[in-house]
Amino acid sequence: MLSKEGCLARQKRLWEAVPDHLQWVLIADPRHVLYLSNFLVQPFSFSRGERALLLLDRDKGVTLIGDNFTLRSAAAEFYVDHEAIEQWYDHKHSVENRDHALFKALKSVVPQLKGRAGAVEAEWLPVGALHELEITQTDASLELGSILRQLRRQKHADEIALLKLAMQACDAGHACAREIVEAGKSEFDVFRKVQAAVVQAAGMPVAIYGDFRACNAAVPKAGGLPSPHVLEHGDLFVLDYSVVVHGYRSDFTNTISVGEPSADQQKLFSLCQAAMQAGESTLKAGTKCADVHAATAAPLWDAGYRDNFQHHAGHGLGLGHPEAPIQVPESTDTLLAGDVVTLEPGVYVEGIGGMRIEHNYLITEDGFERLSNHVISLT
């Protein structure tokens, strides 16, 4: 889970990023509440889908705002100075509209805000909550959500630890798939076994999502959750999925041949490996993401497959998927130390099939640390 030290460091970075005259900021995106306080509603609980708000006040500290059933559904210890709680869940009264309960909790902190300059995360704050504030946002031009998204790019040690746990669980699922993918099994059969391996490795309930689909000569590109399709010789099973641990996620890929791959399939796979190596050679702080894309695409495009590799060469990863930076031809992003990114070259050719491979990397000043450690191989 996120550490108290990490949360305090991120709060400090936020205060340094907003104008000095602001005395308080109200955070509404659940990912940013987690980022700054370690509060996350347990996703496998009665309160899944509910939310809390987080008030950062220069003078009065940090306050978590919500209803009593939501706050008792925390996935882990959280780090705040105060709690503003609306009590409704008591086994005596009817269920209240929990959004309204949240707004009532927010109203209880309004007296400390009046007459003091502040800002709200307008991208996520409900209109009903804004009405309860009874005050006007001091700086309507401040995009608090955008500031936080930019801060999220440069990961702290506690975030990297969560990402590595997600990677290790994802590694286990890939190892399982290499053992069980074979003709006669359905995509759903593979999904169930991969899911079990992931949960076992994580040691806790975790969410997984992504592509668990077979491609072939007739259908070279398919994605999404598993279908009832039964694997056949000649299929290429593309396993591209994420494991989410306390809001942070992995995202990496291997393609497994069902039966012996053809010479053409082996050729395309070798090109994908060359594309990944070329992309890796550019990974370090200060590299333009458009240049990462160009390097990754070059082996595929130079071999005549320009029209067969048209998606991004990679993207940022963390609390969102995808998030900045993005490796595409017209990207305006530049890699920063602390970014966690993917490289995922793929090629999809009618008459042969489709495939994709992918690793995850932590960007450093002079290179990268690879975070995913699964075997990339057709067989």
Protein backbone atom coordinates (compact mmCIF):
# COMPACT_ATOMS: atom_id res chain seq x y z
CA MET A 1 0.00 0.00 0.00
CA LEU A 2 1.06 3.63 -0.24
CA SER A 3 3.12 4.90 2.68
CA LYS A 4 2.48 7.85 4.97
CA GLU A 5 5.82 9.32 3.92
CA GLY A 6 4.90 9.01 0.26
CA CYS A 7 1.49 10.63 0.76
CA LEU A 8 3.04 13.54 2.66
CA ALA A 9 5.64 13.99 -0.08
CA ARG A 10 2.93 14.09 -2.76
CA GLN A 11 0.90 16.60 -0.75
CA LYS A 12 4.00 18.79 -0.54
CA ARG A 13 4.54 18.56 -4.30
CA LEU A 14 0.92 19.57 -4.90
CA TRP A 15 1.23 22.65 -2.67
CA GLU A 16 4.40 23.60 -4.56
CA ALA A 17 2.55 23.25 -7.88
CA VAL A 18 -0.47 25.47 -7.08
CA PRO A 19 -0.45 29.28 -6.62
CA ASP A 20 0.83 30.48 -3.25
CA HIS A 21 -2.32 32.44 -2.44
CA LEU A 22 -4.50 29.32 -2.29
CA GLN A 23 -5.24 28.27 1.28
CA TRP A 24 -7.13 25.07 0.51
CA VAL A 25 -7.80 22.62 -2.32
CA LEU A 26 -10.63 20.10 -2.56
CA ILE A 27 -9.77 16.81 -4.29
CA ALA A 28 -12.59 14.82 -5.89
CA ASP A 29 -11.08 12.20 -8.25
CA PRO A 30 -10.93 8.92 -6.24
CA ARG A 31 -7.54 8.19 -7.79
CA HIS A 32 -6.19 11.47 -6.47
CA VAL A 33 -7.72 10.92 -3.05
CA LEU A 34 -5.77 7.64 -3.01
CA TYR A 35 -2.63 9.29 -4.39
CA LEU A 36 -2.55 11.86 -1.59
CA SER A 37 -3.92 9.91 1.40
CA ASN A 38 -3.92 6.15 0.63
CA PHE A 39 -7.74 6.13 1.00
CA LEU A 40 -9.34 3.72 -1.45
CA VAL A 41 -12.79 2.18 -1.20
CA GLN A 42 -12.24 -1.58 -1.14
CA PRO A 43 -13.26 -2.57 -4.69
CA PHE A 44 -14.61 -5.92 -3.45
CA SER A 45 -16.95 -4.44 -0.86
CA PHE A 46 -20.52 -3.20 -0.39
CA SER A 47 -19.28 0.35 -0.98
CA ARG A 48 -17.70 -0.28 -4.36
CA GLY A 49 -18.44 2.72 -6.57
CA GLU A 50 -18.86 5.11 -3.64
CA ARG A 51 -16.37 7.90 -3.02
CA ALA A 52 -14.89 10.31 -0.54
CA LEU A 53 -13.48 13.82 -0.97
CA LEU A 54 -10.17 15.07 0.36
CA LEU A 55 -9.65 18.60 1.67
CA LEU A 56 -6.08 19.89 1.94
CA ASP A 57 -5.83 23.02 4.07
CA ARG A 58 -2.54 24.83 4.57
CA ASP A 59 -3.43 25.72 8.18
CA LYS A 60 -5.72 22.91 9.32
CA GLY A 61 -4.21 19.82 7.67
CA VAL A 62 -5.93 17.10 5.64
CA THR A 63 -9.56 16.07 6.06
CA LEU A 64 -11.24 13.02 4.54
CA ILE A 65 -14.92 13.69 3.78
CA GLY A 66 -17.59 11.04 3.34
CA ASP A 67 -20.37 8.95 4.84
CA ASN A 68 -19.68 6.50 7.64
CA PHE A 69 -20.24 3.33 5.58
CA THR A 70 -17.88 4.50 2.85
CA LEU A 71 -15.09 5.45 5.23
CA ARG A 72 -15.36 2.14 7.08
CA SER A 73 -14.88 0.39 3.70
CA ALA A 74 -11.29 1.57 3.29
CA ALA A 75 -9.03 -0.95 1.59
CA ALA A 76 -6.09 -0.05 3.86
CA GLU A 77 -4.94 2.39 6.51
CA PHE A 78 -5.17 5.97 5.30
CA TYR A 79 -3.31 9.07 6.39
CA VAL A 80 -5.33 12.19 7.25
CA ASP A 81 -5.52 14.61 10.15
CA HIS A 82 -9.32 14.80 10.41
CA GLU A 83 -12.48 13.07 9.19
CA ALA A 84 -15.75 14.82 8.32
CA ILE A 85 -18.33 12.04 8.48
CA GLU A 86 -22.05 11.97 7.81
CA GLN A 87 -23.58 9.19 9.90
CA TRP A 88 -26.42 7.26 8.30
CA TYR A 89 -25.59 3.57 8.40
CA ASP A 90 -26.74 2.49 11.86
CA HIS A 91 -29.09 -0.49 11.30
CA LYS A 92 -32.01 1.72 12.35
CA HIS A 93 -32.70 4.19 9.56
CA SER A 94 -33.49 3.86 5.88
CA VAL A 95 -30.73 3.93 3.30
CA GLU A 96 -29.92 7.51 2.39
CA ASN A 97 -28.88 8.69 -1.05
CA ARG A 98 -25.18 8.31 -0.39
CA ASP A 99 -24.28 11.16 -2.74
CA HIS A 100 -26.42 13.43 -0.56
CA ALA A 101 -24.71 12.03 2.54
CA LEU A 102 -21.36 12.96 1.00
CA PHE A 103 -22.60 16.50 0.33
CA LYS A 104 -23.79 16.84 3.94
CA ALA A 105 -20.36 15.78 5.16
CA LEU A 106 -18.81 18.38 2.89
CA LYS A 107 -21.13 21.07 4.23
CA SER A 108 -19.74 20.49 7.71
CA VAL A 109 -16.32 21.82 6.68
CA VAL A 110 -17.60 24.86 4.79
CA PRO A 111 -17.22 27.26 7.76
CA GLN A 112 -13.43 26.78 7.74
CA LEU A 113 -13.27 27.68 4.02
CA LYS A 114 -15.36 30.85 3.83
CA GLY A 115 -13.38 33.99 3.11
CA ARG A 116 -10.25 32.02 2.27
CA ALA A 117 -8.84 31.47 -1.23
CA GLY A 118 -9.20 27.93 -2.50
CA ALA A 119 -9.74 25.72 -5.52
CA VAL A 120 -11.68 22.57 -6.34
CA GLU A 121 -10.94 19.69 -8.67
CA ALA A 122 -13.64 20.79 -11.06
CA GLU A 123 -13.07 17.87 -13.43
CA TRP A 124 -14.58 15.50 -10.83
CA LEU A 125 -16.51 17.53 -8.26
CA PRO A 126 -20.29 17.04 -8.64
CA VAL A 127 -22.48 20.11 -9.09
CA GLY A 128 -24.37 19.10 -5.95
CA ALA A 129 -21.15 19.30 -3.95
CA LEU A 130 -20.33 22.70 -5.42
CA HIS A 131 -23.72 23.97 -4.29
CA GLU A 132 -23.00 22.86 -0.73
CA LEU A 133 -19.77 24.85 -0.68
CA GLU A 134 -21.77 28.11 -0.86
CA ILE A 135 -18.63 29.83 -2.13
CA THR A 136 -17.12 30.64 -5.48
CA GLN A 137 -13.96 28.89 -6.62
CA THR A 138 -11.20 31.47 -6.29
CA ASP A 139 -9.33 30.54 -9.44
CA ALA A 140 -11.69 29.17 -12.08
CA SER A 141 -8.84 28.81 -14.57
CA LEU A 142 -6.83 26.44 -12.37
CA GLU A 143 -7.05 22.87 -13.70
CA LEU A 144 -6.31 21.04 -10.48
CA GLY A 145 -6.92 17.65 -12.07
CA SER A 146 -4.40 18.37 -14.82
CA ILE A 147 -1.80 19.43 -12.25
CA LEU A 148 -2.28 16.18 -10.36
CA ARG A 149 -2.11 14.09 -13.53
CA GLN A 150 1.23 15.69 -14.36
CA LEU A 151 2.53 15.07 -10.84
CA ARG A 152 1.45 11.43 -11.10
CA ARG A 153 3.95 10.82 -13.88
CA GLN A 154 6.97 10.89 -11.60
CA LYS A 155 6.42 7.92 -9.31
CA HIS A 156 7.54 7.74 -5.68
CA ALA A 157 9.08 4.65 -4.07
CA ASP A 158 5.80 3.46 -2.52
CA GLU A 159 4.05 3.71 -5.88
CA ILE A 160 6.82 1.75 -7.59
CA ALA A 161 6.53 -0.95 -4.92
CA LEU A 162 2.81 -1.35 -5.72
CA LEU A 163 3.54 -1.40 -9.44
CA LYS A 164 6.15 -4.11 -8.94
CA LEU A 165 3.64 -6.22 -6.99
CA ALA A 166 1.18 -5.86 -9.86
CA MET A 167 3.97 -6.83 -12.31
CA GLN A 168 4.91 -9.93 -10.32
CA ALA A 169 1.30 -11.13 -10.28
CA CYS A 170 1.00 -10.44 -14.01
CA ASP A 171 4.25 -12.37 -14.61
CA ALA A 172 2.70 -15.39 -12.89
CA GLY A 173 -0.33 -15.30 -15.18
CA HIS A 174 1.87 -15.20 -18.25
CA ALA A 175 3.91 -18.16 -16.99
CA CYS A 176 0.66 -20.07 -16.48
CA ALA A 177 -0.53 -19.28 -19.99
CA ARG A 178 2.68 -20.64 -21.52
CA GLU A 179 1.93 -23.96 -19.83
CA ILE A 180 -1.75 -24.31 -20.74
CA VAL A 181 -2.38 -22.68 -24.13
CA GLU A 182 -3.12 -25.50 -26.54
CA ALA A 183 -5.62 -26.61 -29.16
CA GLY A 184 -8.95 -27.68 -27.71
CA LYS A 185 -9.06 -25.15 -24.91
CA SER A 186 -11.29 -22.10 -25.11
CA GLU A 187 -10.21 -18.52 -24.57
CA PHE A 188 -12.31 -18.57 -21.42
CA ASP A 189 -10.50 -21.68 -20.17
CA VAL A 190 -7.21 -19.81 -20.45
CA PHE A 191 -8.66 -16.73 -18.78
CA ARG A 192 -9.84 -18.71 -15.74
CA LYS A 193 -6.44 -20.36 -15.23
CA VAL A 194 -4.56 -17.09 -15.73
CA GLN A 195 -6.85 -15.33 -13.26
CA ALA A 196 -6.26 -18.04 -10.64
CA ALA A 197 -2.48 -17.82 -11.08
CA VAL A 198 -2.59 -14.03 -10.75
CA VAL A 199 -4.63 -14.08 -7.54
CA GLN A 200 -2.40 -16.79 -6.06
CA ALA A 201 0.74 -14.76 -6.81
CA ALA A 202 -0.76 -11.50 -5.54
CA GLY A 203 -1.86 -13.10 -2.28
CA MET A 204 -5.03 -11.02 -2.23
CA PRO A 205 -8.15 -10.39 -4.34
CA VAL A 206 -7.13 -8.29 -7.35
CA ALA A 207 -8.80 -7.16 -10.55
CA ILE A 208 -7.57 -8.18 -13.99
CA TYR A 209 -8.69 -6.95 -17.40
CA GLY A 210 -7.40 -6.87 -20.96
CA ASP A 211 -7.16 -8.95 -24.13
CA PHE A 212 -7.51 -12.72 -23.91
CA ARG A 213 -8.12 -13.45 -27.58
CA ALA A 214 -6.89 -15.62 -30.41
CA CYS A 215 -5.87 -14.22 -33.78
CA ASN A 216 -5.41 -16.18 -36.98
CA ALA A 217 -4.89 -15.80 -40.70
CA ALA A 218 -8.54 -14.91 -41.29
CA VAL A 219 -8.90 -12.60 -38.25
CA PRO A 220 -5.46 -11.06 -37.62
CA LYS A 221 -6.57 -8.65 -34.89
CA ALA A 222 -9.01 -9.26 -32.03
CA GLY A 223 -9.19 -7.88 -28.52
CA GLY A 224 -11.19 -7.77 -25.34
CA LEU A 225 -12.41 -10.31 -22.81
CA PRO A 226 -12.38 -14.01 -23.71
CA SER A 227 -14.94 -15.45 -26.07
CA PRO A 228 -16.12 -19.08 -26.30
CA HIS A 229 -13.71 -19.59 -29.23
CA VAL A 230 -11.87 -22.91 -28.96
CA LEU A 231 -8.19 -22.63 -29.84
CA GLU A 232 -7.05 -24.36 -33.02
CA HIS A 233 -3.66 -25.15 -34.52
CA GLY A 234 -2.43 -22.06 -36.34
CA ASP A 235 -4.03 -19.62 -33.90
CA LEU A 236 -1.93 -17.01 -32.12
CA PHE A 237 -3.17 -16.34 -28.59
CA VAL A 238 -2.57 -12.69 -27.66
CA LEU A 239 -2.42 -12.29 -23.89
CA ASP A 240 -2.34 -8.55 -23.12
CA TYR A 241 -3.72 -7.82 -19.68
CA SER A 242 -3.40 -5.74 -16.53
CA VAL A 243 -3.42 -6.58 -12.85
CA VAL A 244 -4.70 -3.84 -10.52
CA VAL A 245 -3.27 -3.74 -6.98
CA HIS A 246 -4.59 -0.93 -4.74
CA GLY A 247 -5.32 1.22 -7.79
CA TYR A 248 -1.95 0.69 -9.52
CA ARG A 249 -1.61 -1.56 -12.52
CA SER A 250 0.63 -3.60 -14.78
CA ASP A 251 0.06 -3.96 -18.53
CA PHE A 252 2.15 -6.33 -20.61
CA THR A 253 1.82 -8.84 -23.39
CA ASN A 254 3.02 -12.05 -24.97
CA THR A 255 1.72 -13.92 -27.99
CA ILE A 256 1.65 -17.73 -27.84
CA SER A 257 1.44 -19.97 -30.87
CA VAL A 258 -1.15 -22.73 -30.73
CA GLY A 259 0.90 -25.56 -32.17
CA GLU A 260 4.06 -25.00 -34.18
CA PRO A 261 4.23 -21.47 -35.60
CA SER A 262 4.65 -21.05 -39.34
CA ALA A 263 7.78 -19.57 -40.84
CA ASP A 264 5.85 -16.37 -41.63
CA GLN A 265 4.63 -16.12 -38.04
CA GLN A 266 8.16 -16.61 -36.74
CA LYS A 267 9.41 -13.86 -39.09
CA LEU A 268 6.80 -11.39 -37.83
CA PHE A 269 7.60 -12.25 -34.22
CA SER A 270 11.30 -11.60 -34.83
CA LEU A 271 10.40 -8.21 -36.27
CA CYS A 272 8.38 -7.39 -33.14
CA GLN A 273 11.36 -8.33 -30.97
CA ALA A 274 13.62 -6.10 -33.09
CA ALA A 275 11.09 -3.27 -32.73
CA MET A 276 11.08 -3.64 -28.95
CA GLN A 277 14.88 -3.61 -28.80
CA ALA A 278 14.97 -0.49 -30.97
CA GLY A 279 12.45 1.24 -28.74
CA GLU A 280 14.36 0.27 -25.61
CA SER A 281 17.49 1.92 -27.00
CA THR A 282 15.76 5.31 -26.74
CA LEU A 283 14.28 4.96 -23.24
CA LYS A 284 15.71 7.56 -20.89
CA ALA A 285 14.67 10.88 -19.41
CA GLY A 286 14.63 13.67 -21.98
CA THR A 287 13.75 11.54 -25.01
CA LYS A 288 10.85 12.80 -27.09
CA CYS A 289 8.05 10.24 -27.18
CA ALA A 290 7.66 10.79 -30.92
CA ASP A 291 11.25 9.58 -31.25
CA VAL A 292 10.46 6.48 -29.16
CA HIS A 293 7.62 5.70 -31.55
CA ALA A 294 9.80 6.26 -34.60
CA ALA A 295 12.52 3.93 -33.32
CA THR A 296 10.02 1.23 -32.34
CA ALA A 297 8.13 1.38 -35.62
CA ALA A 298 11.23 1.44 -37.85
CA PRO A 299 11.96 -2.33 -38.01
CA LEU A 300 8.33 -3.08 -38.86
CA TRP A 301 7.85 -0.24 -41.30
CA ASP A 302 11.22 -0.83 -42.99
CA ALA A 303 10.24 -4.47 -43.56
CA GLY A 304 7.15 -3.34 -45.45
CA TYR A 305 4.57 -3.50 -42.65
CA ARG A 306 3.74 0.19 -42.26
CA ASP A 307 0.02 -0.47 -42.70
CA ASN A 308 0.15 -3.41 -40.29
CA PHE A 309 1.43 -1.50 -37.25
CA GLN A 310 -0.73 1.57 -36.71
CA HIS A 311 -1.35 1.71 -32.95
CA HIS A 312 0.79 3.46 -30.34
CA ALA A 313 4.24 2.11 -29.56
CA GLY A 314 3.57 2.48 -25.84
CA HIS A 315 2.04 4.66 -23.15
CA GLY A 316 2.26 5.73 -19.54
CA LEU A 317 0.99 3.54 -16.73
CA GLY A 318 0.04 3.93 -13.07
CA LEU A 319 -3.33 4.95 -11.64
CA GLY A 320 -4.72 5.23 -15.19
CA HIS A 321 -4.46 3.27 -18.44
CA PRO A 322 -3.37 4.72 -20.71
CA GLU A 323 -1.98 7.92 -19.28
CA ALA A 324 0.77 10.32 -20.26
CA PRO A 325 3.28 9.99 -21.77
CA ILE A 326 2.15 8.45 -25.06
CA GLN A 327 4.44 7.08 -27.77
CA VAL A 328 2.75 8.10 -31.05
CA PRO A 329 4.04 9.95 -34.15
CA GLU A 330 2.67 13.36 -33.16
CA SER A 331 3.19 13.09 -29.39
CA THR A 332 4.22 16.29 -27.64
CA ASP A 333 5.37 14.35 -24.55
CA THR A 334 8.95 13.94 -23.35
CA LEU A 335 10.03 11.12 -21.04
CA LEU A 336 10.64 12.12 -17.41
CA ALA A 337 12.61 10.29 -14.75
CA GLY A 338 9.94 8.46 -12.73
CA ASP A 339 7.64 7.76 -15.67
CA VAL A 340 6.43 4.17 -15.95
CA VAL A 341 5.78 3.32 -19.58
CA THR A 342 5.10 0.42 -21.90
CA LEU A 343 6.57 -0.60 -25.24
CA GLU A 344 4.19 -2.73 -27.29
CA PRO A 345 5.05 -3.32 -30.92
CA GLY A 346 2.63 -5.49 -32.86
CA VAL A 347 1.92 -6.53 -36.41
CA TYR A 348 -1.32 -7.86 -37.90
CA VAL A 349 -1.29 -9.44 -41.37
CA GLU A 350 -4.16 -11.15 -43.18
CA GLY A 351 -3.16 -14.62 -44.30
CA ILE A 352 -0.61 -14.95 -41.47
CA GLY A 353 -2.12 -13.71 -38.22
CA GLY A 354 -1.59 -11.03 -35.61
CA MET A 355 0.70 -10.64 -32.62
CA ARG A 356 1.91 -8.15 -30.05
CA ILE A 357 4.57 -8.14 -27.32
CA GLU A 358 5.02 -5.71 -24.45
CA HIS A 359 7.19 -4.85 -21.45
CA ASN A 360 6.85 -2.20 -18.72
CA TYR A 361 9.69 0.15 -17.77
CA LEU A 362 10.58 2.69 -15.10
CA ILE A 363 12.37 5.61 -16.77
CA THR A 364 15.58 6.86 -15.14
CA GLU A 365 17.90 9.76 -15.92
CA ASP A 366 20.21 7.58 -17.99
CA GLY A 367 18.05 4.66 -19.08
CA PHE A 368 15.38 2.40 -17.63
CA GLU A 369 14.57 -0.40 -15.21
CA ARG A 370 12.42 -3.11 -16.74
CA LEU A 371 9.60 -3.95 -14.34
CA SER A 372 7.97 -6.87 -16.19
CA ASN A 373 9.89 -10.15 -16.30
CA HIS A 374 7.70 -12.56 -18.23
CA VAL A 375 9.08 -14.73 -21.02
CA ILE A 376 8.37 -13.31 -24.47
CA SER A 377 8.25 -16.22 -26.88
CA LEU A 378 5.90 -17.73 -29.42
CA THR A 379 6.44 -21.23 -28.03
